[in-house]
PDB file of all heavy atoms in Angstrom:
ATOM      1  N   ILE A   1      45.201  65.625-148.773  1.00  0.00           N
ATOM      2  CA  ILE A   1      44.277  64.509-148.556  1.00  0.00           C
ATOM      3  C   ILE A   1      45.041  63.210-148.332  1.00  0.00           C
ATOM      4  O   ILE A   1      45.926  62.872-149.087  1.00  0.00           O
ATOM      5  CB  ILE A   1      43.361  64.303-149.782  1.00  0.00           C
ATOM      6  CG1 ILE A   1      42.599  65.575-150.109  1.00  0.00           C
ATOM      7  CG2 ILE A   1      42.395  63.151-149.543  1.00  0.00           C
ATOM      8  CD1 ILE A   1      41.874  65.515-151.438  1.00  0.00           C
ATOM      9  N   SER A   2      44.663  62.495-147.287  1.00  0.00           N
ATOM     10  CA  SER A   2      45.167  61.145-147.094  1.00  0.00           C
ATOM     11  C   SER A   2      44.037  60.315-146.500  1.00  0.00           C
ATOM     12  O   SER A   2      43.068  60.857-145.974  1.00  0.00           O
ATOM     13  CB  SER A   2      46.409  61.112-146.186  1.00  0.00           C
ATOM     14  OG  SER A   2      46.098  61.623-144.912  1.00  0.00           O
ATOM     15  N   LEU A   3      44.160  58.994-146.616  1.00  0.00           N
ATOM     16  CA  LEU A   3      43.118  58.100-146.110  1.00  0.00           C
ATOM     17  C   LEU A   3      43.631  57.319-144.919  1.00  0.00           C
ATOM     18  O   LEU A   3      44.786  56.915-144.886  1.00  0.00           O
ATOM     19  CB  LEU A   3      42.668  57.130-147.198  1.00  0.00           C
ATOM     20  CG  LEU A   3      41.846  57.711-148.334  1.00  0.00           C
ATOM     21  CD1 LEU A   3      41.440  56.620-149.303  1.00  0.00           C
ATOM     22  CD2 LEU A   3      40.627  58.428-147.818  1.00  0.00           C
ATOM     23  N   ASP A   4      42.744  57.087-143.969  1.00  0.00           N
ATOM     24  CA  ASP A   4      43.000  56.223-142.824  1.00  0.00           C
ATOM     25  C   ASP A   4      42.085  55.016-142.982  1.00  0.00           C
ATOM     26  O   ASP A   4      40.922  55.056-142.592  1.00  0.00           O
ATOM     27  CB  ASP A   4      42.677  56.978-141.533  1.00  0.00           C
ATOM     28  CG  ASP A   4      42.690  56.097-140.302  1.00  0.00           C
ATOM     29  OD1 ASP A   4      43.188  54.943-140.390  1.00  0.00           O
ATOM     30  OD2 ASP A   4      42.204  56.538-139.257  1.00  0.00           O
ATOM     31  N   PRO A   5      42.603  53.920-143.627  1.00  0.00           N
ATOM     32  CA  PRO A   5      41.750  52.760-143.881  1.00  0.00           C
ATOM     33  C   PRO A   5      41.172  52.130-142.619  1.00  0.00           C
ATOM     34  O   PRO A   5      40.044  51.687-142.609  1.00  0.00           O
ATOM     35  CB  PRO A   5      42.663  51.780-144.602  1.00  0.00           C
ATOM     36  CG  PRO A   5      43.808  52.587-145.099  1.00  0.00           C
ATOM     37  CD  PRO A   5      43.945  53.742-144.158  1.00  0.00           C
ATOM     38  N   GLY A   6      41.953  52.110-141.548  1.00  0.00           N
ATOM     39  CA  GLY A   6      41.483  51.512-140.308  1.00  0.00           C
ATOM     40  C   GLY A   6      40.279  52.238-139.728  1.00  0.00           C
ATOM     41  O   GLY A   6      39.340  51.636-139.243  1.00  0.00           O
ATOM     42  N   GLY A   7      40.312  53.557-139.809  1.00  0.00           N
ATOM     43  CA  GLY A   7      39.221  54.368-139.263  1.00  0.00           C
ATOM     44  C   GLY A   7      38.179  54.704-140.307  1.00  0.00           C
ATOM     45  O   GLY A   7      37.202  55.371-140.002  1.00  0.00           O
ATOM     46  N   GLN A   8      38.395  54.244-141.515  1.00  0.00           N
ATOM     47  CA  GLN A   8      37.527  54.534-142.663  1.00  0.00           C
ATOM     48  C   GLN A   8      37.164  56.022-142.698  1.00  0.00           C
ATOM     49  O   GLN A   8      36.014  56.425-142.735  1.00  0.00           O
ATOM     50  CB  GLN A   8      36.284  53.675-142.652  1.00  0.00           C
ATOM     51  CG  GLN A   8      35.655  53.565-144.020  1.00  0.00           C
ATOM     52  CD  GLN A   8      34.666  52.452-144.134  1.00  0.00           C
ATOM     53  OE1 GLN A   8      33.728  52.360-143.359  1.00  0.00           O
ATOM     54  NE2 GLN A   8      34.865  51.606-145.123  1.00  0.00           N
ATOM     55  N   ARG A   9      38.209  56.834-142.677  1.00  0.00           N
ATOM     56  CA  ARG A   9      38.030  58.275-142.732  1.00  0.00           C
ATOM     57  C   ARG A   9      39.159  58.864-143.554  1.00  0.00           C
ATOM     58  O   ARG A   9      40.160  58.206-143.840  1.00  0.00           O
ATOM     59  CB  ARG A   9      38.026  58.876-141.345  1.00  0.00           C
ATOM     60  CG  ARG A   9      39.348  58.701-140.645  1.00  0.00           C
ATOM     61  CD  ARG A   9      39.342  59.204-139.242  1.00  0.00           C
ATOM     62  NE  ARG A   9      40.672  58.955-138.680  1.00  0.00           N
ATOM     63  CZ  ARG A   9      41.033  59.280-137.489  1.00  0.00           C
ATOM     64  NH1 ARG A   9      40.191  59.875-136.687  1.00  0.00           N
ATOM     65  NH2 ARG A   9      42.245  59.033-137.061  1.00  0.00           N
ATOM     66  N   MET A  10      38.997  60.095-143.931  1.00  0.00           N
ATOM     67  CA  MET A  10      40.078  60.781-144.615  1.00  0.00           C
ATOM     68  C   MET A  10      40.633  61.840-143.683  1.00  0.00           C
ATOM     69  O   MET A  10      39.980  62.255-142.730  1.00  0.00           O
ATOM     70  CB  MET A  10      39.595  61.407-145.919  1.00  0.00           C
ATOM     71  CG  MET A  10      38.689  62.577-145.781  1.00  0.00           C
ATOM     72  SD  MET A  10      38.261  63.256-147.388  1.00  0.00           S
ATOM     73  CE  MET A  10      36.748  64.089-146.964  1.00  0.00           C
ATOM     74  N   LEU A  11      41.854  62.201-143.969  1.00  0.00           N
ATOM     75  CA  LEU A  11      42.493  63.296-143.271  1.00  0.00           C
ATOM     76  C   LEU A  11      42.678  64.421-144.269  1.00  0.00           C
ATOM     77  O   LEU A  11      43.198  64.211-145.360  1.00  0.00           O
ATOM     78  CB  LEU A  11      43.846  62.872-142.705  1.00  0.00           C
ATOM     79  CG  LEU A  11      43.818  61.696-141.724  1.00  0.00           C
ATOM     80  CD1 LEU A  11      45.240  61.263-141.393  1.00  0.00           C
ATOM     81  CD2 LEU A  11      43.050  62.047-140.482  1.00  0.00           C
ATOM     82  N   VAL A  12      42.219  65.606-143.913  1.00  0.00           N
ATOM     83  CA  VAL A  12      42.398  66.777-144.761  1.00  0.00           C
ATOM     84  C   VAL A  12      43.284  67.735-143.974  1.00  0.00           C
ATOM     85  O   VAL A  12      42.893  68.201-142.905  1.00  0.00           O
ATOM     86  CB  VAL A  12      41.044  67.443-145.123  1.00  0.00           C
ATOM     87  CG1 VAL A  12      41.277  68.691-145.947  1.00  0.00           C
ATOM     88  CG2 VAL A  12      40.170  66.456-145.884  1.00  0.00           C
ATOM     89  N   ASP A  13      44.474  67.971-144.510  1.00  0.00           N
ATOM     90  CA  ASP A  13      45.478  68.782-143.821  1.00  0.00           C
ATOM     91  C   ASP A  13      45.687  68.278-142.400  1.00  0.00           C
ATOM     92  O   ASP A  13      45.834  69.054-141.462  1.00  0.00           O
ATOM     93  CB  ASP A  13      45.076  70.265-143.829  1.00  0.00           C
ATOM     94  CG  ASP A  13      45.135  70.864-145.218  1.00  0.00           C
ATOM     95  OD1 ASP A  13      46.050  70.502-145.990  1.00  0.00           O
ATOM     96  OD2 ASP A  13      44.253  71.686-145.555  1.00  0.00           O
ATOM     97  N   GLY A  14      45.677  66.952-142.244  1.00  0.00           N
ATOM     98  CA  GLY A  14      45.941  66.319-140.959  1.00  0.00           C
ATOM     99  C   GLY A  14      44.737  66.188-140.035  1.00  0.00           C
ATOM    100  O   GLY A  14      44.813  65.492-139.034  1.00  0.00           O
ATOM    101  N   ALA A  15      43.628  66.833-140.371  1.00  0.00           N
ATOM    102  CA  ALA A  15      42.437  66.771-139.516  1.00  0.00           C
ATOM    103  C   ALA A  15      41.517  65.649-140.007  1.00  0.00           C
ATOM    104  O   ALA A  15      41.234  65.559-141.208  1.00  0.00           O
ATOM    105  CB  ALA A  15      41.701  68.098-139.548  1.00  0.00           C
ATOM    106  N   PRO A  16      41.035  64.798-139.094  1.00  0.00           N
ATOM    107  CA  PRO A  16      40.152  63.702-139.513  1.00  0.00           C
ATOM    108  C   PRO A  16      38.794  64.203-139.979  1.00  0.00           C
ATOM    109  O   PRO A  16      38.223  65.133-139.403  1.00  0.00           O
ATOM    110  CB  PRO A  16      40.022  62.852-138.244  1.00  0.00           C
ATOM    111  CG  PRO A  16      40.367  63.751-137.127  1.00  0.00           C
ATOM    112  CD  PRO A  16      41.287  64.810-137.659  1.00  0.00           C
ATOM    113  N   VAL A  17      38.305  63.581-141.039  1.00  0.00           N
ATOM    114  CA  VAL A  17      36.977  63.877-141.581  1.00  0.00           C
ATOM    115  C   VAL A  17      36.265  62.541-141.781  1.00  0.00           C
ATOM    116  O   VAL A  17      36.758  61.682-142.508  1.00  0.00           O
ATOM    117  CB  VAL A  17      37.067  64.641-142.924  1.00  0.00           C
ATOM    118  CG1 VAL A  17      35.694  64.886-143.502  1.00  0.00           C
ATOM    119  CG2 VAL A  17      37.822  65.958-142.756  1.00  0.00           C
ATOM    120  N   ALA A  18      35.122  62.382-141.147  1.00  0.00           N
ATOM    121  CA  ALA A  18      34.362  61.122-141.255  1.00  0.00           C
ATOM    122  C   ALA A  18      33.743  61.012-142.637  1.00  0.00           C
ATOM    123  O   ALA A  18      33.296  61.991-143.225  1.00  0.00           O
ATOM    124  CB  ALA A  18      33.291  61.086-140.183  1.00  0.00           C
ATOM    125  N   LEU A  19      33.736  59.797-143.172  1.00  0.00           N
ATOM    126  CA  LEU A  19      33.112  59.485-144.441  1.00  0.00           C
ATOM    127  C   LEU A  19      32.119  58.350-144.258  1.00  0.00           C
ATOM    128  O   LEU A  19      32.319  57.489-143.410  1.00  0.00           O
ATOM    129  CB  LEU A  19      34.159  59.047-145.481  1.00  0.00           C
ATOM    130  CG  LEU A  19      35.213  60.042-145.901  1.00  0.00           C
ATOM    131  CD1 LEU A  19      36.261  59.351-146.757  1.00  0.00           C
ATOM    132  CD2 LEU A  19      34.589  61.189-146.665  1.00  0.00           C
ATOM    133  N   THR A  20      31.083  58.322-145.085  1.00  0.00           N
ATOM    134  CA  THR A  20      30.209  57.162-145.116  1.00  0.00           C
ATOM    135  C   THR A  20      30.998  56.048-145.814  1.00  0.00           C
ATOM    136  O   THR A  20      31.989  56.324-146.516  1.00  0.00           O
ATOM    137  CB  THR A  20      28.925  57.437-145.907  1.00  0.00           C
ATOM    138  OG1 THR A  20      29.244  57.617-147.285  1.00  0.00           O
ATOM    139  CG2 THR A  20      28.171  58.650-145.357  1.00  0.00           C
ATOM    140  N   PRO A  21      30.594  54.791-145.653  1.00  0.00           N
ATOM    141  CA  PRO A  21      31.297  53.709-146.346  1.00  0.00           C
ATOM    142  C   PRO A  21      31.347  53.897-147.865  1.00  0.00           C
ATOM    143  O   PRO A  21      32.375  53.643-148.492  1.00  0.00           O
ATOM    144  CB  PRO A  21      30.493  52.455-145.979  1.00  0.00           C
ATOM    145  CG  PRO A  21      29.925  52.794-144.630  1.00  0.00           C
ATOM    146  CD  PRO A  21      29.589  54.261-144.718  1.00  0.00           C
ATOM    147  N   LEU A  22      30.273  54.382-148.479  1.00  0.00           N
ATOM    148  CA  LEU A  22      30.281  54.613-149.934  1.00  0.00           C
ATOM    149  C   LEU A  22      31.225  55.747-150.320  1.00  0.00           C
ATOM    150  O   LEU A  22      31.946  55.657-151.314  1.00  0.00           O
ATOM    151  CB  LEU A  22      28.867  54.916-150.429  1.00  0.00           C
ATOM    152  CG  LEU A  22      27.921  53.729-150.467  1.00  0.00           C
ATOM    153  CD1 LEU A  22      26.503  54.172-150.788  1.00  0.00           C
ATOM    154  CD2 LEU A  22      28.400  52.688-151.449  1.00  0.00           C
ATOM    155  N   GLU A  23      31.233  56.815-149.532  1.00  0.00           N
ATOM    156  CA  GLU A  23      32.150  57.930-149.815  1.00  0.00           C
ATOM    157  C   GLU A  23      33.601  57.450-149.705  1.00  0.00           C
ATOM    158  O   GLU A  23      34.434  57.810-150.524  1.00  0.00           O
ATOM    159  CB  GLU A  23      31.906  59.086-148.841  1.00  0.00           C
ATOM    160  CG  GLU A  23      30.597  59.805-149.067  1.00  0.00           C
ATOM    161  CD  GLU A  23      30.228  60.750-147.943  1.00  0.00           C
ATOM    162  OE1 GLU A  23      30.835  60.689-146.849  1.00  0.00           O
ATOM    163  OE2 GLU A  23      29.295  61.554-148.155  1.00  0.00           O
ATOM    164  N   PHE A  24      33.871  56.631-148.700  1.00  0.00           N
ATOM    165  CA  PHE A  24      35.227  56.112-148.512  1.00  0.00           C
ATOM    166  C   PHE A  24      35.658  55.270-149.711  1.00  0.00           C
ATOM    167  O   PHE A  24      36.762  55.412-150.222  1.00  0.00           O
ATOM    168  CB  PHE A  24      35.323  55.298-147.216  1.00  0.00           C
ATOM    169  CG  PHE A  24      36.718  54.866-146.906  1.00  0.00           C
ATOM    170  CD1 PHE A  24      37.602  55.729-146.295  1.00  0.00           C
ATOM    171  CD2 PHE A  24      37.155  53.590-147.233  1.00  0.00           C
ATOM    172  CE1 PHE A  24      38.902  55.345-146.014  1.00  0.00           C
ATOM    173  CE2 PHE A  24      38.446  53.184-146.949  1.00  0.00           C
ATOM    174  CZ  PHE A  24      39.325  54.058-146.344  1.00  0.00           C
ATOM    175  N   ARG A  25      34.762  54.396-150.205  1.00  0.00           N
ATOM    176  CA  ARG A  25      35.082  53.566-151.356  1.00  0.00           C
ATOM    177  C   ARG A  25      35.293  54.404-152.610  1.00  0.00           C
ATOM    178  O   ARG A  25      36.198  54.132-153.394  1.00  0.00           O
ATOM    179  CB  ARG A  25      33.991  52.514-151.558  1.00  0.00           C
ATOM    180  CG  ARG A  25      34.072  51.467-150.455  1.00  0.00           C
ATOM    181  CD  ARG A  25      33.159  50.284-150.502  1.00  0.00           C
ATOM    182  NE  ARG A  25      32.231  50.108-151.561  1.00  0.00           N
ATOM    183  CZ  ARG A  25      30.953  49.730-151.379  1.00  0.00           C
ATOM    184  NH1 ARG A  25      30.488  49.564-150.155  1.00  0.00           N
ATOM    185  NH2 ARG A  25      30.168  49.526-152.401  1.00  0.00           N
ATOM    186  N   LEU A  26      34.472  55.423-152.805  1.00  0.00           N
ATOM    187  CA  LEU A  26      34.657  56.306-153.960  1.00  0.00           C
ATOM    188  C   LEU A  26      35.994  57.031-153.889  1.00  0.00           C
ATOM    189  O   LEU A  26      36.736  57.087-154.880  1.00  0.00           O
ATOM    190  CB  LEU A  26      33.532  57.360-154.004  1.00  0.00           C
ATOM    191  CG  LEU A  26      32.294  57.028-154.767  1.00  0.00           C
ATOM    192  CD1 LEU A  26      31.246  58.119-154.569  1.00  0.00           C
ATOM    193  CD2 LEU A  26      32.588  56.852-156.231  1.00  0.00           C
ATOM    194  N   LEU A  27      36.293  57.586-152.746  1.00  0.00           N
ATOM    195  CA  LEU A  27      37.554  58.322-152.590  1.00  0.00           C
ATOM    196  C   LEU A  27      38.747  57.408-152.768  1.00  0.00           C
ATOM    197  O   LEU A  27      39.748  57.780-153.393  1.00  0.00           O
ATOM    198  CB  LEU A  27      37.580  59.005-151.222  1.00  0.00           C
ATOM    199  CG  LEU A  27      38.614  60.104-151.047  1.00  0.00           C
ATOM    200  CD1 LEU A  27      38.441  61.207-152.074  1.00  0.00           C
ATOM    201  CD2 LEU A  27      38.534  60.683-149.656  1.00  0.00           C
ATOM    202  N   THR A  28      38.659  56.188-152.261  1.00  0.00           N
ATOM    203  CA  THR A  28      39.739  55.208-152.442  1.00  0.00           C
ATOM    204  C   THR A  28      39.954  54.927-153.925  1.00  0.00           C
ATOM    205  O   THR A  28      41.092  54.924-154.409  1.00  0.00           O
ATOM    206  CB  THR A  28      39.423  53.909-151.683  1.00  0.00           C
ATOM    207  OG1 THR A  28      39.303  54.202-150.293  1.00  0.00           O
ATOM    208  CG2 THR A  28      40.499  52.875-151.887  1.00  0.00           C
ATOM    209  N   ALA A  29      38.877  54.706-154.663  1.00  0.00           N
ATOM    210  CA  ALA A  29      38.976  54.439-156.104  1.00  0.00           C
ATOM    211  C   ALA A  29      39.592  55.624-156.832  1.00  0.00           C
ATOM    212  O   ALA A  29      40.444  55.454-157.715  1.00  0.00           O
ATOM    213  CB  ALA A  29      37.601  54.111-156.688  1.00  0.00           C
ATOM    214  N   LEU A  30      39.200  56.825-156.469  1.00  0.00           N
ATOM    215  CA  LEU A  30      39.746  58.015-157.125  1.00  0.00           C
ATOM    216  C   LEU A  30      41.225  58.195-156.802  1.00  0.00           C
ATOM    217  O   LEU A  30      42.019  58.538-157.687  1.00  0.00           O
ATOM    218  CB  LEU A  30      38.946  59.256-156.719  1.00  0.00           C
ATOM    219  CG  LEU A  30      37.544  59.323-157.318  1.00  0.00           C
ATOM    220  CD1 LEU A  30      36.698  60.367-156.593  1.00  0.00           C
ATOM    221  CD2 LEU A  30      37.604  59.601-158.800  1.00  0.00           C
ATOM    222  N   LEU A  31      41.617  57.967-155.558  1.00  0.00           N
ATOM    223  CA  LEU A  31      43.030  58.088-155.200  1.00  0.00           C
ATOM    224  C   LEU A  31      43.872  57.045-155.910  1.00  0.00           C
ATOM    225  O   LEU A  31      44.985  57.318-156.343  1.00  0.00           O
ATOM    226  CB  LEU A  31      43.215  57.984-153.680  1.00  0.00           C
ATOM    227  CG  LEU A  31      42.862  59.251-152.897  1.00  0.00           C
ATOM    228  CD1 LEU A  31      42.842  58.956-151.403  1.00  0.00           C
ATOM    229  CD2 LEU A  31      43.827  60.376-153.209  1.00  0.00           C
ATOM    230  N   ARG A  32      43.337  55.839-156.067  1.00  0.00           N
ATOM    231  CA  ARG A  32      44.065  54.784-156.791  1.00  0.00           C
ATOM    232  C   ARG A  32      44.231  55.149-158.266  1.00  0.00           C
ATOM    233  O   ARG A  32      45.157  54.692-158.913  1.00  0.00           O
ATOM    234  CB  ARG A  32      43.337  53.464-156.681  1.00  0.00           C
ATOM    235  CG  ARG A  32      43.527  52.792-155.353  1.00  0.00           C
ATOM    236  CD  ARG A  32      42.927  51.414-155.331  1.00  0.00           C
ATOM    237  NE  ARG A  32      43.057  50.847-154.010  1.00  0.00           N
ATOM    238  CZ  ARG A  32      42.142  50.131-153.401  1.00  0.00           C
ATOM    239  NH1 ARG A  32      41.001  49.855-154.019  1.00  0.00           N
ATOM    240  NH2 ARG A  32      42.345  49.655-152.204  1.00  0.00           N
ATOM    241  N   GLY A  33      43.298  55.949-158.790  1.00  0.00           N
ATOM    242  CA  GLY A  33      43.383  56.386-160.174  1.00  0.00           C
ATOM    243  C   GLY A  33      44.558  57.317-160.419  1.00  0.00           C
ATOM    244  O   GLY A  33      44.935  57.554-161.565  1.00  0.00           O
TER     245      GLY A  33
END
């Protein structure tokens, strides 16, 4: 898992996965944890 802040999406095994803005914020908070 990695995040692309510019595209507000995550990459799973290098493949882009679209997130809603709320999902992106949740995932960002969890990764920062």
